[in-house]
Protein backbone atom coordinates (compact mmCIF):
# COMPACT_ATOMS: atom_id res chain seq x y z
CA MET A 1 12.54 -14.19 6.84
CA THR A 2 8.99 -14.12 8.39
CA ILE A 3 5.78 -13.98 6.65
CA GLY A 4 2.69 -12.92 8.66
CA LYS A 5 -0.98 -12.20 8.29
CA SER A 6 -2.43 -8.67 9.03
CA SER A 7 -5.37 -8.66 11.50
CA GLY A 8 -6.80 -5.84 9.38
CA SER A 9 -7.34 -7.86 6.12
CA LYS A 10 -7.27 -11.74 5.70
CA ASP A 11 -5.34 -11.38 2.47
CA SER A 12 -2.63 -9.17 3.64
CA ASP A 13 0.79 -10.63 3.77
CA PHE A 14 4.13 -9.20 5.03
CA VAL A 15 7.66 -10.12 4.64
CA ILE A 16 9.67 -9.25 7.65
CA GLU A 17 13.39 -9.70 7.88
CA ASN A 18 15.17 -8.99 11.17
CA GLY A 19 12.26 -6.72 12.30
CA VAL A 20 12.16 -4.90 9.05
CA LEU A 21 8.93 -5.18 6.95
CA THR A 22 10.50 -5.45 3.47
CA LYS A 23 7.44 -6.20 1.38
CA TYR A 24 3.64 -6.23 1.64
CA THR A 25 2.11 -8.75 -0.80
CA GLY A 26 -1.56 -8.24 0.23
CA SER A 27 -4.38 -6.82 -1.75
CA GLY A 28 -4.79 -3.69 0.43
CA GLY A 29 -7.74 -2.59 2.44
CA ASP A 30 -7.26 -1.47 6.19
CA VAL A 31 -3.85 -2.95 7.14
CA VAL A 32 -2.42 -3.38 10.59
CA ILE A 33 1.22 -3.73 10.73
CA PRO A 34 2.14 -6.56 13.22
CA GLU A 35 3.56 -5.49 16.63
CA GLY A 36 7.37 -6.06 16.87
CA VAL A 37 8.21 -4.63 13.38
CA THR A 38 10.83 -2.00 13.95
CA ALA A 39 11.02 -0.46 10.53
CA ILE A 40 8.95 -0.19 7.31
CA GLY A 41 11.52 -0.72 4.55
CA LYS A 42 12.30 0.93 1.34
CA GLU A 43 9.43 0.51 -1.25
CA ALA A 44 7.61 -1.89 1.19
CA PHE A 45 4.11 -0.86 -0.01
CA LYS A 46 5.15 0.78 -3.34
CA TRP A 47 2.32 0.82 -6.02
CA CYS A 48 -0.27 -0.70 -3.58
CA GLY A 49 -3.27 0.88 -5.14
CA GLY A 50 -5.88 -1.17 -2.95
CA LEU A 51 -4.37 0.10 0.32
CA THR A 52 -6.86 2.34 2.05
CA SER A 53 -5.58 2.76 5.72
CA VAL A 54 -2.51 1.66 7.81
CA THR A 55 -2.05 1.43 11.42
CA ILE A 56 1.53 1.46 12.40
CA PRO A 57 2.69 -0.03 15.84
CA LYS A 58 4.69 1.87 18.40
CA SER A 59 7.56 -0.55 17.78
CA VAL A 60 8.27 1.21 14.49
CA THR A 61 11.02 3.86 14.38
CA ARG A 62 11.63 4.31 10.83
CA ILE A 63 9.67 4.54 7.65
CA GLY A 64 11.95 3.96 4.58
CA ASP A 65 12.37 5.85 1.27
CA TYR A 66 9.40 5.33 -1.13
CA ALA A 67 7.68 2.96 1.40
CA PHE A 68 4.08 4.06 0.36
CA TRP A 69 4.91 5.57 -3.05
CA TRP A 70 1.85 6.04 -5.30
CA CYS A 71 -0.53 4.10 -2.90
CA SER A 72 -3.32 6.04 -4.63
CA SER A 73 -6.09 4.90 -2.40
CA LEU A 74 -4.42 5.47 0.95
CA LYS A 75 -6.79 7.76 2.90
CA SER A 76 -5.56 7.25 6.49
CA ILE A 77 -2.29 6.63 8.24
CA THR A 78 -1.23 7.35 11.83
CA ILE A 79 2.42 7.81 12.44
CA PRO A 80 3.30 6.99 16.09
CA LYS A 81 5.59 9.12 18.12
CA SER A 82 8.12 6.34 18.16
CA VAL A 83 8.99 7.16 14.41
CA THR A 84 12.15 9.31 14.16
CA ARG A 85 12.62 9.24 10.39
CA ILE A 86 10.22 9.19 7.37
CA GLY A 87 12.15 8.71 4.17
CA LYS A 88 12.21 10.65 1.01
CA GLU A 89 9.18 10.24 -1.16
CA ALA A 90 7.61 8.16 1.45
CA PHE A 91 4.21 9.12 0.66
CA GLU A 92 4.54 10.61 -2.79
CA GLY A 93 1.52 10.24 -5.01
CA CYS A 94 -0.79 9.15 -2.22
CA GLY A 95 -3.66 11.06 -3.96
CA SER A 96 -6.42 10.09 -1.52
CA LEU A 97 -4.54 11.09 1.69
CA THR A 98 -6.46 13.87 3.33
CA SER A 99 -4.69 14.52 6.59
CA ILE A 100 -1.36 13.83 8.17
CA THR A 101 0.19 14.49 11.52
CA ILE A 102 4.03 14.48 11.71
CA PRO A 103 5.03 13.79 15.31
CA GLY A 104 7.86 15.86 16.88
CA SER A 105 10.19 12.80 17.09
CA VAL A 106 10.59 13.25 13.26
CA THR A 107 13.17 15.95 13.03
CA ARG A 108 13.16 16.33 9.36
CA ILE A 109 10.39 16.00 6.58
CA GLU A 110 12.54 14.67 3.85
CA GLU A 111 12.47 15.67 0.18
CA SER A 112 9.42 15.01 -1.71
CA THR A 113 7.78 13.12 1.22
CA PHE A 114 4.26 14.09 0.48
CA GLU A 115 4.72 15.39 -3.14
CA GLU A 116 1.58 14.97 -5.35
CA CYS A 117 -0.70 14.26 -2.41
CA LYS A 118 -3.46 15.98 -4.24
CA SER A 119 -6.21 15.51 -1.63
CA LEU A 120 -4.01 16.52 1.37
CA GLU A 121 -5.96 19.24 3.13
CA ASN A 122 -4.53 19.20 6.78
CA VAL A 123 -1.11 18.86 7.83
CA THR A 124 0.00 18.95 11.53
CA ILE A 125 3.58 19.46 12.11
CA SER A 126 4.44 18.93 15.68
CA ASN A 127 7.05 20.95 17.73
CA GLY A 128 10.42 19.11 17.48
CA VAL A 129 10.37 18.94 13.65
CA ALA A 130 13.26 21.21 12.50
CA SER A 131 13.06 21.29 8.64
CA ILE A 132 11.29 20.57 5.53
CA GLY A 133 13.23 19.18 2.49
CA ASP A 134 13.00 20.24 -1.04
CA SER A 135 9.58 19.71 -2.73
CA ALA A 136 8.18 18.02 0.41
CA PHE A 137 4.67 19.25 -0.28
CA TYR A 138 4.98 20.09 -4.00
CA GLY A 139 1.78 19.74 -5.93
CA CYS A 140 -0.55 19.41 -2.74
CA ASP A 141 -3.54 21.20 -4.57
CA SER A 142 -5.89 20.85 -1.66
CA LEU A 143 -3.54 22.08 1.07
CA THR A 144 -4.97 25.27 2.57
CA SER A 145 -2.95 26.14 5.56
CA VAL A 146 0.20 25.16 7.18
CA ASN A 147 1.39 26.23 10.84
CA ILE A 148 5.16 25.64 11.11
CA PRO A 149 6.26 25.26 14.78
CA ASP A 150 8.97 27.26 16.55
CA SER A 151 11.36 24.40 16.43
CA PHE A 152 11.84 24.97 12.66
CA THR A 153 15.18 26.29 11.23
CA GLY A 154 14.80 25.60 7.49
CA ILE A 155 12.40 25.09 4.58
CA GLY A 156 13.83 23.63 1.40
CA ARG A 157 13.37 24.79 -2.13
CA LEU A 158 9.91 24.23 -3.64
CA ALA A 159 8.60 22.75 -0.46
CA PHE A 160 5.07 24.23 -1.19
CA ALA A 161 5.36 24.79 -4.85
CA PHE A 162 2.04 24.27 -6.97
CA CYS A 163 -0.16 24.25 -3.63
CA SER A 164 -2.61 26.16 -5.52
CA SER A 165 -5.18 26.30 -2.45
CA LEU A 166 -2.45 27.40 0.11
CA THR A 167 -3.66 30.68 1.49
CA ASP A 168 -2.27 30.68 5.08
CA ILE A 169 1.10 29.70 6.14
CA SER A 170 2.85 30.61 9.51
CA ILE A 171 6.55 30.75 9.29
CA PRO A 172 8.39 31.26 12.73
CA ASP A 173 11.36 33.72 13.08
CA SER A 174 13.57 30.61 13.79
CA VAL A 175 13.59 29.82 10.17
CA THR A 176 16.89 31.00 8.59
């Protein structure tokens, strides 16, 4: 087990086991995950209300289930192209998140990944992503438009349910 300090906040602590960030114990703010971390583990940042931004290094290939669950002050996160999987409910309840880009290296947006992200206005889904799971964007009140790339084959149940501001969605013929 390794405990490290973030360069983004002097009070930010990480518990890292075999390259996996298993727990964040800092107070939040702008957090930079250390280089060499290969995965963000299940529930690593869960309920971290003071977290405002996260920089993920290119060494990370996986974001675990519930990783940023209900981080209500999280406004900004950049997901590098090295990430191939974002777990279910990874960003659920991140009510301050306004924009997200899903790189094409992530082939599936899992169930409830961005559920209840009430401030999410802009979603960029890169070519390469093939499907959206059930309730992936459920309750994203501020989401106005979504452009689904030609690489898509499926959209899960209730994927955009209760997205009351959604007025423009482009679904390619490839969706079955």
